[in-house]
Amino acid sequence: MKPALKFSEQDWQDLSQNWMAWWTGELERPLVMIASPTPRRSSQELKFDFLLQKPIDDVLNYYENRLANTVLLGDAGPRWFPFYGAGVAAAFLGAELLCTPEEGTIWFEPSQALESYDLTALYNRNNIWWQRIQQLTQAAVDRWDDRVCVGFTDLGGNLDILASLRGSQELLVDLMDRPEDVLIASKQITQFWLRYYHDLLAITQKTGRGSSPWAPIWSSGSCYMLQSDFSAMISPRMFEQFVIPDIIECCKQLDFTFYHLDGKGQLPHLDLLLALEDLHGIQWIPGDGQPPPEDWLPILDRIRQAGKLCQLFVSCSGAKKIIQNLGGKGFAFYITDMLTPEEAQAFLSEIS
């Protein structure tokens, strides 16, 4: 069965043309993505049974209903990815996946003491979580074919994954006491990450509808939203030593790359990221309790002045403030307001 999506072949062509013009700096306006109603993750999606044990057809039936009942406007396209928490590659390598549906969270903890920083033995293609995500991804491609861009699960960053295997406090100590060991392990994780990515890409590219990660970006080639949330706890010197090589290697192997700059704790690393020639853009997430993205105009201006693209989750009023102060070129706005299709169309007309 295919979802009754109101997204035509012409819509796909327009989406591809606009997004690729944006990547290359040829689009003079911002990209604007609106979904009506705005999707919200339910507690059902975060239950252990749903994540691992529920029949795959039942899982896809659930998401298919959501896809079929979502109106996509602006530069949004039909997309779906298996959500298993931020940094699920840690579970692929043996970390324990834990979930609290009532709180809307999935996280990872060490399943056993990490006795060696040589992680070779942890790579297991038969791992139950890796198998589940591959099966879900393949089943989604088989079911939806070219009607939906089937995206990548949230693999995580190299130190995020290592922290889930070792423990965050233990890793912080090891960064000081055993930096050579951490560097060996972080480089191994980068190689594991790239294997996972390319294995999933081999499945998703069969749709012919480009690629999309867990974040709302899209390209006709390979792309991803790279990340290292653990980096909020380390210095720029450590970020340069342990994280930048991972980002550089991933940028070399992917066509288009972004970095998920999550919260004030990562701002000290911004200049290092902006200096990376092959990194195309920055997603700025101010974090809980912080002012919204439009109140960080100097940060957004730094990103754009460095020649990088910028993706934001922002309200309609926030998007208008950014356009008025910095212009819209180079921005990709995912609108967070709950809008009716009529309200969305009016907003798109106002900023066009």
C-alpha atoms as a PDB file:
ATOM      1  CA  MET A   1       0.000   0.000   0.000  1.00  0.00           C
ATOM      2  CA  LYS A   2       1.236   3.503  -0.803  1.00  0.00           C
ATOM      3  CA  PRO A   3       0.352   6.580   1.273  1.00  0.00           C
ATOM      4  CA  ALA A   4      -2.103   8.920  -0.403  1.00  0.00           C
ATOM      5  CA  LEU A   5       0.381  11.771  -0.458  1.00  0.00           C
ATOM      6  CA  LYS A   6      -0.524  14.909  -2.305  1.00  0.00           C
ATOM      7  CA  PHE A   7       3.000  15.348  -3.617  1.00  0.00           C
ATOM      8  CA  SER A   8       3.354  15.175  -7.370  1.00  0.00           C
ATOM      9  CA  GLU A   9       6.300  14.511  -9.623  1.00  0.00           C
ATOM     10  CA  GLN A  10       6.383  18.246 -10.340  1.00  0.00           C
ATOM     11  CA  ASP A  11       6.543  18.884  -6.598  1.00  0.00           C
ATOM     12  CA  TRP A  12       9.585  16.588  -6.367  1.00  0.00           C
ATOM     13  CA  GLN A  13      11.254  18.390  -9.261  1.00  0.00           C
ATOM     14  CA  ASP A  14      10.635  21.786  -7.652  1.00  0.00           C
ATOM     15  CA  LEU A  15      11.925  20.542  -4.304  1.00  0.00           C
ATOM     16  CA  SER A  16      15.099  19.194  -5.879  1.00  0.00           C
ATOM     17  CA  GLN A  17      15.712  22.340  -7.899  1.00  0.00           C
ATOM     18  CA  ASN A  18      15.233  24.675  -4.932  1.00  0.00           C
ATOM     19  CA  TRP A  19      17.274  22.641  -2.450  1.00  0.00           C
ATOM     20  CA  MET A  20      20.183  22.139  -4.809  1.00  0.00           C
ATOM     21  CA  ALA A  21      20.170  25.848  -5.693  1.00  0.00           C
ATOM     22  CA  TRP A  22      20.286  26.550  -1.945  1.00  0.00           C
ATOM     23  CA  TRP A  23      23.269  24.216  -1.380  1.00  0.00           C
ATOM     24  CA  THR A  24      25.212  25.943  -4.150  1.00  0.00           C
ATOM     25  CA  GLY A  25      24.318  29.485  -3.035  1.00  0.00           C
ATOM     26  CA  GLU A  26      22.193  30.233  -6.081  1.00  0.00           C
ATOM     27  CA  LEU A  27      18.844  30.540  -4.282  1.00  0.00           C
ATOM     28  CA  GLU A  28      18.216  34.145  -3.305  1.00  0.00           C
ATOM     29  CA  ARG A  29      15.438  33.389  -0.814  1.00  0.00           C
ATOM     30  CA  PRO A  30      15.354  31.208   2.308  1.00  0.00           C
ATOM     31  CA  LEU A  31      14.069  27.673   2.243  1.00  0.00           C
ATOM     32  CA  VAL A  32      10.897  27.413   4.321  1.00  0.00           C
ATOM     33  CA  MET A  33       9.504  24.080   5.510  1.00  0.00           C
ATOM     34  CA  ILE A  34       5.993  23.831   6.920  1.00  0.00           C
ATOM     35  CA  ALA A  35       4.090  20.689   7.875  1.00  0.00           C
ATOM     36  CA  SER A  36       0.419  20.952   8.814  1.00  0.00           C
ATOM     37  CA  PRO A  37      -0.258  19.697  11.364  1.00  0.00           C
ATOM     38  CA  THR A  38       3.261  20.010  12.758  1.00  0.00           C
ATOM     39  CA  PRO A  39       4.347  16.440  13.642  1.00  0.00           C
ATOM     40  CA  ARG A  40       4.756  15.666  17.330  1.00  0.00           C
ATOM     41  CA  ARG A  41       6.348  12.451  18.543  1.00  0.00           C
ATOM     42  CA  SER A  42       3.964  10.356  20.631  1.00  0.00           C
ATOM     43  CA  SER A  43       4.796   8.276  23.692  1.00  0.00           C
ATOM     44  CA  GLN A  44       3.865   5.162  21.702  1.00  0.00           C
ATOM     45  CA  GLU A  45       6.855   5.680  19.421  1.00  0.00           C
ATOM     46  CA  LEU A  46       9.215   5.584  22.412  1.00  0.00           C
ATOM     47  CA  LYS A  47       8.039   2.305  23.929  1.00  0.00           C
ATOM     48  CA  PHE A  48      10.473  -0.597  23.911  1.00  0.00           C
ATOM     49  CA  ASP A  49       7.901  -2.853  22.250  1.00  0.00           C
ATOM     50  CA  PHE A  50       7.320  -0.385  19.431  1.00  0.00           C
ATOM     51  CA  LEU A  51      11.057   0.133  18.909  1.00  0.00           C
ATOM     52  CA  LEU A  52      12.140  -3.496  18.817  1.00  0.00           C
ATOM     53  CA  GLN A  53       9.314  -6.027  18.942  1.00  0.00           C
ATOM     54  CA  LYS A  54       6.302  -4.629  17.119  1.00  0.00           C
ATOM     55  CA  PRO A  55       5.875  -6.129  13.613  1.00  0.00           C
ATOM     56  CA  ILE A  56       7.502  -3.881  11.046  1.00  0.00           C
ATOM     57  CA  ASP A  57       4.327  -3.663   8.956  1.00  0.00           C
ATOM     58  CA  ASP A  58       2.448  -2.357  11.994  1.00  0.00           C
ATOM     59  CA  VAL A  59       5.129   0.238  12.659  1.00  0.00           C
ATOM     60  CA  LEU A  60       5.010   1.455   9.068  1.00  0.00           C
ATOM     61  CA  ASN A  61       1.199   1.476   9.093  1.00  0.00           C
ATOM     62  CA  TYR A  62       1.404   3.881  12.025  1.00  0.00           C
ATOM     63  CA  TYR A  63       3.773   6.243  10.223  1.00  0.00           C
ATOM     64  CA  GLU A  64       1.987   5.868   6.906  1.00  0.00           C
ATOM     65  CA  ASN A  65      -1.187   7.247   8.435  1.00  0.00           C
ATOM     66  CA  ARG A  66       0.749  10.258   9.675  1.00  0.00           C
ATOM     67  CA  LEU A  67       2.365  10.822   6.284  1.00  0.00           C
ATOM     68  CA  ALA A  68      -0.961  10.597   4.510  1.00  0.00           C
ATOM     69  CA  ASN A  69      -2.564  13.153   6.841  1.00  0.00           C
ATOM     70  CA  THR A  70       0.181  15.770   6.768  1.00  0.00           C
ATOM     71  CA  VAL A  71      -0.010  18.699   4.363  1.00  0.00           C
ATOM     72  CA  LEU A  72       3.458  19.779   3.231  1.00  0.00           C
ATOM     73  CA  LEU A  73       4.029  23.370   2.209  1.00  0.00           C
ATOM     74  CA  GLY A  74       6.895  25.536   1.062  1.00  0.00           C
ATOM     75  CA  ASP A  75      10.078  23.530   0.614  1.00  0.00           C
ATOM     76  CA  ALA A  76       9.034  20.556   2.735  1.00  0.00           C
ATOM     77  CA  GLY A  77       8.846  17.107   1.185  1.00  0.00           C
ATOM     78  CA  PRO A  78       7.574  13.739   2.393  1.00  0.00           C
ATOM     79  CA  ARG A  79      10.321  12.233   4.519  1.00  0.00           C
ATOM     80  CA  TRP A  80      10.625   9.621   7.263  1.00  0.00           C
ATOM     81  CA  PHE A  81      13.439   8.110   9.282  1.00  0.00           C
ATOM     82  CA  PRO A  82      13.603   5.456  12.028  1.00  0.00           C
ATOM     83  CA  PHE A  83      13.779   7.302  15.349  1.00  0.00           C
ATOM     84  CA  TYR A  84      15.776   5.445  18.002  1.00  0.00           C
ATOM     85  CA  GLY A  85      17.232   8.296  20.008  1.00  0.00           C
ATOM     86  CA  ALA A  86      20.257  10.502  19.421  1.00  0.00           C
ATOM     87  CA  GLY A  87      23.345   8.350  18.998  1.00  0.00           C
ATOM     88  CA  VAL A  88      21.800   4.932  18.421  1.00  0.00           C
ATOM     89  CA  ALA A  89      25.074   3.703  16.919  1.00  0.00           C
ATOM     90  CA  ALA A  90      26.117   3.189  20.554  1.00  0.00           C
ATOM     91  CA  ALA A  91      23.433   0.489  20.802  1.00  0.00           C
ATOM     92  CA  PHE A  92      24.803  -1.058  17.598  1.00  0.00           C
ATOM     93  CA  LEU A  93      28.095  -1.410  19.476  1.00  0.00           C
ATOM     94  CA  GLY A  94      26.599  -2.931  22.603  1.00  0.00           C
ATOM     95  CA  ALA A  95      25.372  -0.032  24.759  1.00  0.00           C
ATOM     96  CA  GLU A  96      22.019  -0.480  26.480  1.00  0.00           C
ATOM     97  CA  LEU A  97      19.096   1.418  24.937  1.00  0.00           C
ATOM     98  CA  LEU A  98      16.745   2.803  27.593  1.00  0.00           C
ATOM     99  CA  CYS A  99      13.466   4.630  27.060  1.00  0.00           C
ATOM    100  CA  THR A 100      10.993   6.588  29.154  1.00  0.00           C
ATOM    101  CA  PRO A 101       7.928   7.130  26.949  1.00  0.00           C
ATOM    102  CA  GLU A 102       6.193   9.336  29.536  1.00  0.00           C
ATOM    103  CA  GLU A 103       9.104  11.783  29.439  1.00  0.00           C
ATOM    104  CA  GLY A 104       9.680  11.444  25.706  1.00  0.00           C
ATOM    105  CA  THR A 105      13.271  10.280  26.035  1.00  0.00           C
ATOM    106  CA  ILE A 106      15.602   7.589  24.728  1.00  0.00           C
ATOM    107  CA  TRP A 107      19.142   7.350  26.025  1.00  0.00           C
ATOM    108  CA  PHE A 108      22.078   4.949  26.173  1.00  0.00           C
ATOM    109  CA  GLU A 109      24.232   3.589  28.960  1.00  0.00           C
ATOM    110  CA  PRO A 110      27.179   1.182  29.101  1.00  0.00           C
ATOM    111  CA  SER A 111      25.996  -2.414  29.265  1.00  0.00           C
ATOM    112  CA  GLN A 112      29.317  -3.502  30.739  1.00  0.00           C
ATOM    113  CA  ALA A 113      32.675  -2.043  31.693  1.00  0.00           C
ATOM    114  CA  LEU A 114      34.728  -0.968  28.695  1.00  0.00           C
ATOM    115  CA  GLU A 115      37.994  -2.697  29.495  1.00  0.00           C
ATOM    116  CA  SER A 116      39.850  -1.728  26.340  1.00  0.00           C
ATOM    117  CA  TYR A 117      39.806   1.302  24.082  1.00  0.00           C
ATOM    118  CA  ASP A 118      40.365  -1.004  21.116  1.00  0.00           C
ATOM    119  CA  LEU A 119      36.737  -1.318  20.035  1.00  0.00           C
ATOM    120  CA  THR A 120      37.241  -3.769  17.168  1.00  0.00           C
ATOM    121  CA  ALA A 121      35.387  -6.588  18.918  1.00  0.00           C
ATOM    122  CA  LEU A 122      32.295  -4.418  19.469  1.00  0.00           C
ATOM    123  CA  TYR A 123      31.457  -4.139  15.775  1.00  0.00           C
ATOM    124  CA  ASN A 124      28.774  -6.765  15.212  1.00  0.00           C
ATOM    125  CA  ARG A 125      26.685  -6.803  12.060  1.00  0.00           C
ATOM    126  CA  ASN A 126      24.188  -9.111  13.777  1.00  0.00           C
ATOM    127  CA  ASN A 127      23.473  -6.688  16.619  1.00  0.00           C
ATOM    128  CA  ILE A 128      19.694  -6.638  17.225  1.00  0.00           C
ATOM    129  CA  TRP A 129      19.346  -2.855  17.034  1.00  0.00           C
ATOM    130  CA  TRP A 130      21.389  -2.591  13.842  1.00  0.00           C
ATOM    131  CA  GLN A 131      19.357  -5.393  12.294  1.00  0.00           C
ATOM    132  CA  ARG A 132      16.083  -3.761  13.314  1.00  0.00           C
ATOM    133  CA  ILE A 133      16.941  -0.390  11.794  1.00  0.00           C
ATOM    134  CA  GLN A 134      18.189  -1.943   8.572  1.00  0.00           C
ATOM    135  CA  GLN A 135      14.985  -3.979   8.313  1.00  0.00           C
ATOM    136  CA  LEU A 136      12.798  -0.953   9.000  1.00  0.00           C
ATOM    137  CA  THR A 137      14.686   1.161   6.481  1.00  0.00           C
ATOM    138  CA  GLN A 138      14.463  -1.537   3.806  1.00  0.00           C
ATOM    139  CA  ALA A 139      10.777  -2.162   4.487  1.00  0.00           C
ATOM    140  CA  ALA A 140      10.016   1.563   4.221  1.00  0.00           C
ATOM    141  CA  VAL A 141      11.820   1.757   0.874  1.00  0.00           C
ATOM    142  CA  ASP A 142       9.973  -1.318  -0.386  1.00  0.00           C
ATOM    143  CA  ARG A 143       6.596   0.030   0.730  1.00  0.00           C
ATOM    144  CA  TRP A 144       6.852   3.704  -0.213  1.00  0.00           C
ATOM    145  CA  ASP A 145       9.306   3.540  -3.112  1.00  0.00           C
ATOM    146  CA  ASP A 146       9.607   6.997  -4.686  1.00  0.00           C
ATOM    147  CA  ARG A 147       6.712   8.508  -2.732  1.00  0.00           C
ATOM    148  CA  VAL A 148       8.840   9.244   0.342  1.00  0.00           C
ATOM    149  CA  CYS A 149      12.445  10.159   1.032  1.00  0.00           C
ATOM    150  CA  VAL A 150      13.459   7.485   3.549  1.00  0.00           C
ATOM    151  CA  GLY A 151      16.143   8.993   5.750  1.00  0.00           C
ATOM    152  CA  PHE A 152      18.857   7.982   8.181  1.00  0.00           C
ATOM    153  CA  THR A 153      18.438   7.148  11.819  1.00  0.00           C
ATOM    154  CA  ASP A 154      20.275   9.406  14.284  1.00  0.00           C
ATOM    155  CA  LEU A 155      23.677   7.695  14.434  1.00  0.00           C
ATOM    156  CA  GLY A 156      25.300  10.229  16.770  1.00  0.00           C
ATOM    157  CA  GLY A 157      28.799  11.671  16.905  1.00  0.00           C
ATOM    158  CA  ASN A 158      32.028   9.856  17.718  1.00  0.00           C
ATOM    159  CA  LEU A 159      32.417  11.129  21.297  1.00  0.00           C
ATOM    160  CA  ASP A 160      28.665  10.842  21.956  1.00  0.00           C
ATOM    161  CA  ILE A 161      28.841   7.175  21.016  1.00  0.00           C
ATOM    162  CA  LEU A 162      32.020   6.615  23.027  1.00  0.00           C
ATOM    163  CA  ALA A 163      30.446   8.287  26.086  1.00  0.00           C
ATOM    164  CA  SER A 164      27.511   5.867  25.865  1.00  0.00           C
ATOM    165  CA  LEU A 165      29.934   2.941  25.825  1.00  0.00           C
ATOM    166  CA  ARG A 166      32.312   4.203  28.504  1.00  0.00           C
ATOM    167  CA  GLY A 167      30.210   6.610  30.607  1.00  0.00           C
ATOM    168  CA  SER A 168      30.350  10.404  30.316  1.00  0.00           C
ATOM    169  CA  GLN A 169      32.232  11.066  33.556  1.00  0.00           C
ATOM    170  CA  GLU A 170      34.698   8.276  32.846  1.00  0.00           C
ATOM    171  CA  LEU A 171      35.317   9.615  29.347  1.00  0.00           C
ATOM    172  CA  LEU A 172      35.922  13.132  30.647  1.00  0.00           C
ATOM    173  CA  VAL A 173      38.598  11.764  32.976  1.00  0.00           C
ATOM    174  CA  ASP A 174      40.115   9.659  30.203  1.00  0.00           C
ATOM    175  CA  LEU A 175      40.377  12.690  27.925  1.00  0.00           C
ATOM    176  CA  MET A 176      42.811  14.087  30.464  1.00  0.00           C
ATOM    177  CA  ASP A 177      44.552  10.903  31.606  1.00  0.00           C
ATOM    178  CA  ARG A 178      44.447   8.650  28.519  1.00  0.00           C
ATOM    179  CA  PRO A 179      44.137  10.957  25.482  1.00  0.00           C
ATOM    180  CA  GLU A 180      46.004   8.572  23.167  1.00  0.00           C
ATOM    181  CA  ASP A 181      43.587   5.742  23.958  1.00  0.00           C
ATOM    182  CA  VAL A 182      40.558   7.979  23.462  1.00  0.00           C
ATOM    183  CA  LEU A 183      41.929   9.145  20.127  1.00  0.00           C
ATOM    184  CA  ILE A 184      42.326   5.552  18.928  1.00  0.00           C
ATOM    185  CA  ALA A 185      38.770   4.700  19.960  1.00  0.00           C
ATOM    186  CA  SER A 186      37.274   7.878  18.489  1.00  0.00           C
ATOM    187  CA  LYS A 187      38.913   7.155  15.129  1.00  0.00           C
ATOM    188  CA  GLN A 188      37.555   3.608  15.204  1.00  0.00           C
ATOM    189  CA  ILE A 189      34.062   4.907  15.863  1.00  0.00           C
ATOM    190  CA  THR A 190      34.348   7.248  12.885  1.00  0.00           C
ATOM    191  CA  GLN A 191      35.060   4.238  10.682  1.00  0.00           C
ATOM    192  CA  PHE A 192      32.177   2.262  12.199  1.00  0.00           C
ATOM    193  CA  TRP A 193      29.917   5.295  11.658  1.00  0.00           C
ATOM    194  CA  LEU A 194      30.854   5.524   8.004  1.00  0.00           C
ATOM    195  CA  ARG A 195      30.117   1.812   7.512  1.00  0.00           C
ATOM    196  CA  TYR A 196      26.684   2.231   9.066  1.00  0.00           C
ATOM    197  CA  TYR A 197      26.012   5.328   6.967  1.00  0.00           C
ATOM    198  CA  HIS A 198      27.022   3.780   3.662  1.00  0.00           C
ATOM    199  CA  ASP A 199      25.103   0.579   4.385  1.00  0.00           C
ATOM    200  CA  LEU A 200      21.952   2.606   4.998  1.00  0.00           C
ATOM    201  CA  LEU A 201      22.630   4.835   1.998  1.00  0.00           C
ATOM    202  CA  ALA A 202      22.772   1.734  -0.212  1.00  0.00           C
ATOM    203  CA  ILE A 203      19.196   1.031   0.896  1.00  0.00           C
ATOM    204  CA  THR A 204      17.711   4.534   0.839  1.00  0.00           C
ATOM    205  CA  GLN A 205      19.164   5.658  -2.483  1.00  0.00           C
ATOM    206  CA  LYS A 206      17.001   3.079  -4.272  1.00  0.00           C
ATOM    207  CA  THR A 207      14.023   5.438  -3.980  1.00  0.00           C
ATOM    208  CA  GLY A 208      15.681   8.006  -6.226  1.00  0.00           C
ATOM    209  CA  ARG A 209      14.432  10.745  -3.889  1.00  0.00           C
ATOM    210  CA  GLY A 210      17.735  11.943  -2.515  1.00  0.00           C
ATOM    211  CA  SER A 211      18.776  11.703   1.107  1.00  0.00           C
ATOM    212  CA  SER A 212      17.820  13.245   4.425  1.00  0.00           C
ATOM    213  CA  PRO A 213      19.120  12.683   7.962  1.00  0.00           C
ATOM    214  CA  TRP A 214      17.186  12.941  11.208  1.00  0.00           C
ATOM    215  CA  ALA A 215      17.210  16.725  10.815  1.00  0.00           C
ATOM    216  CA  PRO A 216      15.126  18.583   8.199  1.00  0.00           C
ATOM    217  CA  ILE A 217      17.665  18.976   5.434  1.00  0.00           C
ATOM    218  CA  TRP A 218      17.589  17.294   2.033  1.00  0.00           C
ATOM    219  CA  SER A 219      19.890  16.813  -0.931  1.00  0.00           C
ATOM    220  CA  SER A 220      19.876  14.869  -4.168  1.00  0.00           C
ATOM    221  CA  GLY A 221      23.179  13.305  -3.105  1.00  0.00           C
ATOM    222  CA  SER A 222      24.407  12.013   0.248  1.00  0.00           C
ATOM    223  CA  CYS A 223      23.993  14.341   3.225  1.00  0.00           C
ATOM    224  CA  TYR A 224      23.942  14.278   7.017  1.00  0.00           C
ATOM    225  CA  MET A 225      23.624  16.439  10.127  1.00  0.00           C
ATOM    226  CA  LEU A 226      26.874  15.695  11.963  1.00  0.00           C
ATOM    227  CA  GLN A 227      26.991  16.196  15.710  1.00  0.00           C
ATOM    228  CA  SER A 228      28.895  15.931  18.973  1.00  0.00           C
ATOM    229  CA  ASP A 229      26.651  16.881  21.884  1.00  0.00           C
ATOM    230  CA  PHE A 230      29.330  15.671  24.318  1.00  0.00           C
ATOM    231  CA  SER A 231      31.485  18.560  23.074  1.00  0.00           C
ATOM    232  CA  ALA A 232      29.618  21.033  25.269  1.00  0.00           C
ATOM    233  CA  MET A 233      31.722  19.628  28.110  1.00  0.00           C
ATOM    234  CA  ILE A 234      35.170  19.956  26.528  1.00  0.00           C
ATOM    235  CA  SER A 235      37.522  22.748  25.505  1.00  0.00           C
ATOM    236  CA  PRO A 236      38.105  23.946  21.936  1.00  0.00           C
ATOM    237  CA  ARG A 237      41.570  22.353  22.121  1.00  0.00           C
ATOM    238  CA  MET A 238      40.031  18.952  22.854  1.00  0.00           C
ATOM    239  CA  PHE A 239      37.325  19.544  20.249  1.00  0.00           C
ATOM    240  CA  GLU A 240      40.018  20.202  17.671  1.00  0.00           C
ATOM    241  CA  GLN A 241      41.935  17.067  18.667  1.00  0.00           C
ATOM    242  CA  PHE A 242      39.122  14.538  19.072  1.00  0.00           C
ATOM    243  CA  VAL A 243      36.120  15.783  17.070  1.00  0.00           C
ATOM    244  CA  ILE A 244      37.353  17.861  14.143  1.00  0.00           C
ATOM    245  CA  PRO A 245      39.148  14.878  12.502  1.00  0.00           C
ATOM    246  CA  ASP A 246      35.855  12.947  12.631  1.00  0.00           C
ATOM    247  CA  ILE A 247      33.966  15.803  10.964  1.00  0.00           C
ATOM    248  CA  ILE A 248      36.646  16.209   8.292  1.00  0.00           C
ATOM    249  CA  GLU A 249      36.559  12.499   7.438  1.00  0.00           C
ATOM    250  CA  CYS A 250      32.769  12.458   7.206  1.00  0.00           C
ATOM    251  CA  CYS A 251      32.768  15.609   5.064  1.00  0.00           C
ATOM    252  CA  LYS A 252      35.173  13.922   2.651  1.00  0.00           C
ATOM    253  CA  GLN A 253      32.851  10.961   2.143  1.00  0.00           C
ATOM    254  CA  LEU A 254      29.500  12.780   1.930  1.00  0.00           C
ATOM    255  CA  ASP A 255      28.282  15.239  -0.673  1.00  0.00           C
ATOM    256  CA  PHE A 256      26.675  17.736   1.723  1.00  0.00           C
ATOM    257  CA  THR A 257      27.209  18.088   5.469  1.00  0.00           C
ATOM    258  CA  PHE A 258      25.847  20.181   8.337  1.00  0.00           C
ATOM    259  CA  TYR A 259      26.823  20.386  11.995  1.00  0.00           C
ATOM    260  CA  HIS A 260      24.290  20.324  14.841  1.00  0.00           C
ATOM    261  CA  LEU A 261      25.462  23.136  17.147  1.00  0.00           C
ATOM    262  CA  ASP A 262      23.458  22.350  20.256  1.00  0.00           C
ATOM    263  CA  GLY A 263      23.408  25.005  22.965  1.00  0.00           C
ATOM    264  CA  LYS A 264      25.657  27.699  24.379  1.00  0.00           C
ATOM    265  CA  GLY A 265      28.181  25.115  25.549  1.00  0.00           C
ATOM    266  CA  GLN A 266      29.189  24.455  21.965  1.00  0.00           C
ATOM    267  CA  LEU A 267      29.605  28.096  20.910  1.00  0.00           C
ATOM    268  CA  PRO A 268      33.340  28.088  21.809  1.00  0.00           C
ATOM    269  CA  HIS A 269      33.799  25.565  18.980  1.00  0.00           C
ATOM    270  CA  LEU A 270      32.032  27.631  16.319  1.00  0.00           C
ATOM    271  CA  ASP A 271      35.155  29.216  14.800  1.00  0.00           C
ATOM    272  CA  LEU A 272      36.779  25.799  14.358  1.00  0.00           C
ATOM    273  CA  LEU A 273      33.669  24.585  12.541  1.00  0.00           C
ATOM    274  CA  LEU A 274      33.378  27.673  10.353  1.00  0.00           C
ATOM    275  CA  ALA A 275      36.992  27.152   9.240  1.00  0.00           C
ATOM    276  CA  LEU A 276      36.186  23.717   7.757  1.00  0.00           C
ATOM    277  CA  GLU A 277      36.044  24.217   4.014  1.00  0.00           C
ATOM    278  CA  ASP A 278      34.025  21.073   3.277  1.00  0.00           C
ATOM    279  CA  LEU A 279      31.378  21.663   5.972  1.00  0.00           C
ATOM    280  CA  HIS A 280      28.410  23.312   4.292  1.00  0.00           C
ATOM    281  CA  GLY A 281      26.351  24.614   7.173  1.00  0.00           C
ATOM    282  CA  ILE A 282      25.412  24.964  10.825  1.00  0.00           C
ATOM    283  CA  GLN A 283      22.159  24.103  12.561  1.00  0.00           C
ATOM    284  CA  TRP A 284      21.861  26.388  15.597  1.00  0.00           C
ATOM    285  CA  ILE A 285      19.801  25.086  18.529  1.00  0.00           C
ATOM    286  CA  PRO A 286      19.895  27.583  21.436  1.00  0.00           C
ATOM    287  CA  GLY A 287      18.722  24.958  23.954  1.00  0.00           C
ATOM    288  CA  ASP A 288      16.048  24.731  26.617  1.00  0.00           C
ATOM    289  CA  GLY A 289      15.491  27.901  28.598  1.00  0.00           C
ATOM    290  CA  GLN A 290      17.431  30.050  26.134  1.00  0.00           C
ATOM    291  CA  PRO A 291      16.130  32.834  23.883  1.00  0.00           C
ATOM    292  CA  PRO A 292      14.807  31.660  20.495  1.00  0.00           C
ATOM    293  CA  PRO A 293      17.051  31.554  17.399  1.00  0.00           C
ATOM    294  CA  GLU A 294      16.039  35.014  16.151  1.00  0.00           C
ATOM    295  CA  ASP A 295      17.502  36.546  19.327  1.00  0.00           C
ATOM    296  CA  TRP A 296      20.970  35.280  18.413  1.00  0.00           C
ATOM    297  CA  LEU A 297      21.485  37.512  15.380  1.00  0.00           C
ATOM    298  CA  PRO A 298      25.263  38.016  15.943  1.00  0.00           C
ATOM    299  CA  ILE A 299      25.744  34.222  15.959  1.00  0.00           C
ATOM    300  CA  LEU A 300      23.625  33.793  12.846  1.00  0.00           C
ATOM    301  CA  ASP A 301      25.521  36.622  11.153  1.00  0.00           C
ATOM    302  CA  ARG A 302      28.869  34.961  11.992  1.00  0.00           C
ATOM    303  CA  ILE A 303      27.670  31.766  10.361  1.00  0.00           C
ATOM    304  CA  ARG A 304      26.512  33.501   7.207  1.00  0.00           C
ATOM    305  CA  GLN A 305      29.524  35.822   6.988  1.00  0.00           C
ATOM    306  CA  ALA A 306      31.739  32.719   7.051  1.00  0.00           C
ATOM    307  CA  GLY A 307      29.941  31.505   3.940  1.00  0.00           C
ATOM    308  CA  LYS A 308      28.043  28.717   5.707  1.00  0.00           C
ATOM    309  CA  LEU A 309      24.376  27.870   5.334  1.00  0.00           C
ATOM    310  CA  CYS A 310      22.174  27.915   8.429  1.00  0.00           C
ATOM    311  CA  GLN A 311      19.174  25.771   9.417  1.00  0.00           C
ATOM    312  CA  LEU A 312      16.851  26.761  12.255  1.00  0.00           C
ATOM    313  CA  PHE A 313      13.662  25.678  13.997  1.00  0.00           C
ATOM    314  CA  VAL A 314      11.852  28.981  14.261  1.00  0.00           C
ATOM    315  CA  SER A 315       8.443  30.624  14.557  1.00  0.00           C
ATOM    316  CA  CYS A 316       6.904  32.695  11.776  1.00  0.00           C
ATOM    317  CA  SER A 317       7.700  35.907  13.648  1.00  0.00           C
ATOM    318  CA  GLY A 318      11.233  34.684  14.280  1.00  0.00           C
ATOM    319  CA  ALA A 319      11.791  33.931  10.606  1.00  0.00           C
ATOM    320  CA  LYS A 320      10.558  37.405   9.671  1.00  0.00           C
ATOM    321  CA  LYS A 321      12.902  39.038  12.203  1.00  0.00           C
ATOM    322  CA  ILE A 322      15.890  37.167  10.771  1.00  0.00           C
ATOM    323  CA  ILE A 323      14.959  38.090   7.205  1.00  0.00           C
ATOM    324  CA  GLN A 324      14.518  41.751   8.154  1.00  0.00           C
ATOM    325  CA  ASN A 325      17.922  41.914   9.856  1.00  0.00           C
ATOM    326  CA  LEU A 326      20.133  39.494   7.914  1.00  0.00           C
ATOM    327  CA  GLY A 327      18.226  38.715   4.736  1.00  0.00           C
ATOM    328  CA  GLY A 328      16.860  35.304   3.920  1.00  0.00           C
ATOM    329  CA  LYS A 329      19.505  33.905   1.587  1.00  0.00           C
ATOM    330  CA  GLY A 330      21.330  30.888   2.975  1.00  0.00           C
ATOM    331  CA  PHE A 331      18.783  30.121   5.695  1.00  0.00           C
ATOM    332  CA  ALA A 332      16.506  27.092   5.944  1.00  0.00           C
ATOM    333  CA  PHE A 333      13.615  27.683   8.323  1.00  0.00           C
ATOM    334  CA  TYR A 334      11.574  24.827   9.755  1.00  0.00           C
ATOM    335  CA  ILE A 335       8.472  26.588  11.049  1.00  0.00           C
ATOM    336  CA  THR A 336       7.457  25.463  14.533  1.00  0.00           C
ATOM    337  CA  ASP A 337       4.090  27.250  14.752  1.00  0.00           C
ATOM    338  CA  MET A 338       0.954  25.140  14.515  1.00  0.00           C
ATOM    339  CA  LEU A 339      -0.544  26.537  11.305  1.00  0.00           C
ATOM    340  CA  THR A 340      -3.522  25.653   9.196  1.00  0.00           C
ATOM    341  CA  PRO A 341      -2.738  25.261   5.485  1.00  0.00           C
ATOM    342  CA  GLU A 342      -4.393  28.628   4.889  1.00  0.00           C
ATOM    343  CA  GLU A 343      -2.258  30.341   7.530  1.00  0.00           C
ATOM    344  CA  ALA A 344       0.853  28.685   6.139  1.00  0.00           C
ATOM    345  CA  GLN A 345       0.103  29.887   2.614  1.00  0.00           C
ATOM    346  CA  ALA A 346      -0.463  33.417   3.892  1.00  0.00           C
ATOM    347  CA  PHE A 347       2.893  33.365   5.684  1.00  0.00           C
ATOM    348  CA  LEU A 348       4.706  32.045   2.611  1.00  0.00           C
ATOM    349  CA  SER A 349       3.134  34.809   0.512  1.00  0.00           C
ATOM    350  CA  GLU A 350       4.160  37.426   3.060  1.00  0.00           C
ATOM    351  CA  ILE A 351       7.853  36.540   3.020  1.00  0.00           C
ATOM    352  CA  SER A 352       8.211  35.707  -0.676  1.00  0.00           C
END
